C-alpha atoms as a PDB file:
ATOM      1  CA  MET A   1      33.353 249.411 287.061  1.00  0.00           C
ATOM      2  CA  LYS A   2      35.991 250.995 284.823  1.00  0.00           C
ATOM      3  CA  ILE A   3      35.257 254.198 282.911  1.00  0.00           C
ATOM      4  CA  THR A   4      37.439 254.818 279.864  1.00  0.00           C
ATOM      5  CA  GLY A   5      39.730 257.821 280.386  1.00  0.00           C
ATOM      6  CA  LEU A   6      38.969 258.234 284.106  1.00  0.00           C
ATOM      7  CA  LYS A   7      42.323 258.063 285.895  1.00  0.00           C
ATOM      8  CA  ILE A   8      43.053 257.874 289.606  1.00  0.00           C
ATOM      9  CA  LEU A   9      46.668 258.735 290.416  1.00  0.00           C
ATOM     10  CA  LYS A  10      48.550 258.559 293.700  1.00  0.00           C
ATOM     11  CA  ARG A  11      49.923 261.854 294.933  1.00  0.00           C
ATOM     12  CA  LYS A  12      52.964 262.537 297.052  1.00  0.00           C
ATOM     13  CA  ILE A  13      52.771 263.807 300.623  1.00  0.00           C
ATOM     14  CA  VAL A  14      55.931 265.238 302.172  1.00  0.00           C
ATOM     15  CA  VAL A  15      55.547 264.783 305.918  1.00  0.00           C
ATOM     16  CA  ASN A  16      56.734 267.783 307.898  1.00  0.00           C
ATOM     17  CA  LYS A  17      56.432 268.403 311.645  1.00  0.00           C
ATOM     18  CA  LYS A  18      55.268 271.970 310.933  1.00  0.00           C
ATOM     19  CA  GLY A  19      52.627 270.811 308.446  1.00  0.00           C
ATOM     20  CA  ASP A  20      52.609 268.349 305.570  1.00  0.00           C
ATOM     21  CA  ILE A  21      53.129 269.366 301.939  1.00  0.00           C
ATOM     22  CA  LEU A  22      50.628 267.784 299.553  1.00  0.00           C
ATOM     23  CA  LYS A  23      51.561 267.644 295.873  1.00  0.00           C
ATOM     24  CA  TYR A  24      48.787 268.557 293.470  1.00  0.00           C
ATOM     25  CA  LEU A  25      50.139 268.972 289.962  1.00  0.00           C
ATOM     26  CA  SER A  26      53.372 269.547 288.081  1.00  0.00           C
ATOM     27  CA  LYS A  27      53.835 270.968 284.591  1.00  0.00           C
ATOM     28  CA  ASP A  28      56.166 268.013 283.895  1.00  0.00           C
ATOM     29  CA  GLU A  29      53.435 265.375 284.205  1.00  0.00           C
ATOM     30  CA  PRO A  30      52.476 263.697 280.889  1.00  0.00           C
ATOM     31  CA  PHE A  31      48.732 264.444 281.204  1.00  0.00           C
ATOM     32  CA  PHE A  32      49.227 268.165 281.897  1.00  0.00           C
ATOM     33  CA  ASN A  33      49.586 270.744 279.134  1.00  0.00           C
ATOM     34  CA  LYS A  34      47.958 273.915 280.528  1.00  0.00           C
ATOM     35  CA  PHE A  35      45.152 275.093 282.756  1.00  0.00           C
ATOM     36  CA  GLY A  36      42.445 277.689 282.419  1.00  0.00           C
ATOM     37  CA  GLU A  37      41.017 278.148 285.906  1.00  0.00           C
ATOM     38  CA  ILE A  38      41.381 276.640 289.363  1.00  0.00           C
ATOM     39  CA  TYR A  39      38.523 276.501 291.873  1.00  0.00           C
ATOM     40  CA  PHE A  40      38.292 275.262 295.440  1.00  0.00           C
ATOM     41  CA  SER A  41      34.934 273.865 296.432  1.00  0.00           C
ATOM     42  CA  GLU A  42      33.694 273.140 299.928  1.00  0.00           C
ATOM     43  CA  VAL A  43      31.226 270.311 300.484  1.00  0.00           C
ATOM     44  CA  LEU A  44      29.434 270.345 303.808  1.00  0.00           C
ATOM     45  CA  LYS A  45      29.236 267.121 305.831  1.00  0.00           C
ATOM     46  CA  ASN A  46      26.463 264.725 304.751  1.00  0.00           C
ATOM     47  CA  LYS A  47      25.566 266.920 301.759  1.00  0.00           C
ATOM     48  CA  ILE A  48      25.422 266.021 298.076  1.00  0.00           C
ATOM     49  CA  LYS A  49      26.863 268.566 295.690  1.00  0.00           C
ATOM     50  CA  GLY A  50      26.432 268.307 291.941  1.00  0.00           C
ATOM     51  CA  TRP A  51      29.105 269.291 289.465  1.00  0.00           C
ATOM     52  CA  ASN A  52      28.894 270.791 285.978  1.00  0.00           C
ATOM     53  CA  PHE A  53      28.810 268.369 283.083  1.00  0.00           C
ATOM     54  CA  HIS A  54      31.849 269.372 281.014  1.00  0.00           C
ATOM     55  CA  LYS A  55      31.565 268.757 277.284  1.00  0.00           C
ATOM     56  CA  LYS A  56      35.066 269.978 276.339  1.00  0.00           C
ATOM     57  CA  ASN A  57      37.135 270.396 279.495  1.00  0.00           C
ATOM     58  CA  LYS A  58      38.765 267.760 281.624  1.00  0.00           C
ATOM     59  CA  CYS A  59      38.722 268.160 285.408  1.00  0.00           C
ATOM     60  CA  PHE A  60      41.415 267.456 287.977  1.00  0.00           C
ATOM     61  CA  LEU A  61      39.919 266.665 291.393  1.00  0.00           C
ATOM     62  CA  ILE A  62      41.775 266.363 294.694  1.00  0.00           C
ATOM     63  CA  VAL A  63      40.767 266.380 298.378  1.00  0.00           C
ATOM     64  CA  PRO A  64      43.441 267.758 300.733  1.00  0.00           C
ATOM     65  CA  TYR A  65      41.112 268.068 303.728  1.00  0.00           C
ATOM     66  CA  GLY A  66      38.202 265.874 304.833  1.00  0.00           C
ATOM     67  CA  LYS A  67      36.856 262.983 302.785  1.00  0.00           C
ATOM     68  CA  VAL A  68      34.695 263.061 299.641  1.00  0.00           C
ATOM     69  CA  ARG A  69      32.978 260.254 297.743  1.00  0.00           C
ATOM     70  CA  PHE A  70      32.670 260.967 294.028  1.00  0.00           C
ATOM     71  CA  HIS A  71      30.129 259.220 291.816  1.00  0.00           C
ATOM     72  CA  PHE A  72      31.022 259.300 288.114  1.00  0.00           C
ATOM     73  CA  ILE A  73      28.805 258.275 285.178  1.00  0.00           C
ATOM     74  CA  ASP A  74      30.095 258.025 281.613  1.00  0.00           C
ATOM     75  CA  GLY A  75      27.764 260.142 279.467  1.00  0.00           C
ATOM     76  CA  ARG A  76      29.670 259.722 276.200  1.00  0.00           C
ATOM     77  CA  PHE A  77      27.441 257.872 273.692  1.00  0.00           C
ATOM     78  CA  LYS A  78      30.384 256.545 271.654  1.00  0.00           C
ATOM     79  CA  SER A  79      32.417 255.379 274.665  1.00  0.00           C
ATOM     80  CA  SER A  80      32.938 251.674 275.328  1.00  0.00           C
ATOM     81  CA  SER A  81      32.032 252.426 278.945  1.00  0.00           C
ATOM     82  CA  PHE A  82      28.872 254.454 278.117  1.00  0.00           C
ATOM     83  CA  PHE A  83      26.572 254.761 281.136  1.00  0.00           C
ATOM     84  CA  LYS A  84      28.985 252.820 283.358  1.00  0.00           C
ATOM     85  CA  GLU A  85      29.390 254.143 286.890  1.00  0.00           C
ATOM     86  CA  LYS A  86      32.391 254.446 289.191  1.00  0.00           C
ATOM     87  CA  LYS A  87      32.464 255.533 292.839  1.00  0.00           C
ATOM     88  CA  VAL A  88      35.735 256.793 294.293  1.00  0.00           C
ATOM     89  CA  THR A  89      36.442 258.078 297.810  1.00  0.00           C
ATOM     90  CA  ILE A  90      39.527 260.204 298.374  1.00  0.00           C
ATOM     91  CA  SER A  91      40.966 262.088 301.346  1.00  0.00           C
ATOM     92  CA  LYS A  92      44.343 263.018 302.814  1.00  0.00           C
ATOM     93  CA  ILE A  93      44.622 259.423 304.079  1.00  0.00           C
ATOM     94  CA  ASN A  94      43.834 258.124 300.558  1.00  0.00           C
ATOM     95  CA  TYR A  95      45.450 261.058 298.743  1.00  0.00           C
ATOM     96  CA  LYS A  96      44.806 260.803 295.002  1.00  0.00           C
ATOM     97  CA  LEU A  97      44.274 263.010 291.978  1.00  0.00           C
ATOM     98  CA  ILE A  98      41.293 262.113 289.792  1.00  0.00           C
ATOM     99  CA  LEU A  99      41.459 263.035 286.102  1.00  0.00           C
ATOM    100  CA  VAL A 100      37.941 263.279 284.696  1.00  0.00           C
ATOM    101  CA  PRO A 101      37.622 263.350 280.897  1.00  0.00           C
ATOM    102  CA  PRO A 102      35.019 265.510 279.149  1.00  0.00           C
ATOM    103  CA  GLY A 103      31.608 263.843 279.052  1.00  0.00           C
ATOM    104  CA  VAL A 104      31.962 262.006 282.359  1.00  0.00           C
END
């Protein structure tokens, strides 16, 4: 199911015999204007980890190591996709950047 404003973007991997280079974000991308903080979060195998519900901030999620399944729910009352759900699995094999709007 589609959630309005939730974007899943392919990311570039530069293959290198000494270790790959995984692109995360560039200041030149149209959706980027600034950032406040960056966190790295570890999720242990077969564990569920909740995330803060952001009312004002958007989140940029990426998984450079392992594999994580995200479950998004649109909590914005005025959204055309209100209460719709979307599950997305990303990893280095399926390397993507997820842009999560406030309220999702």
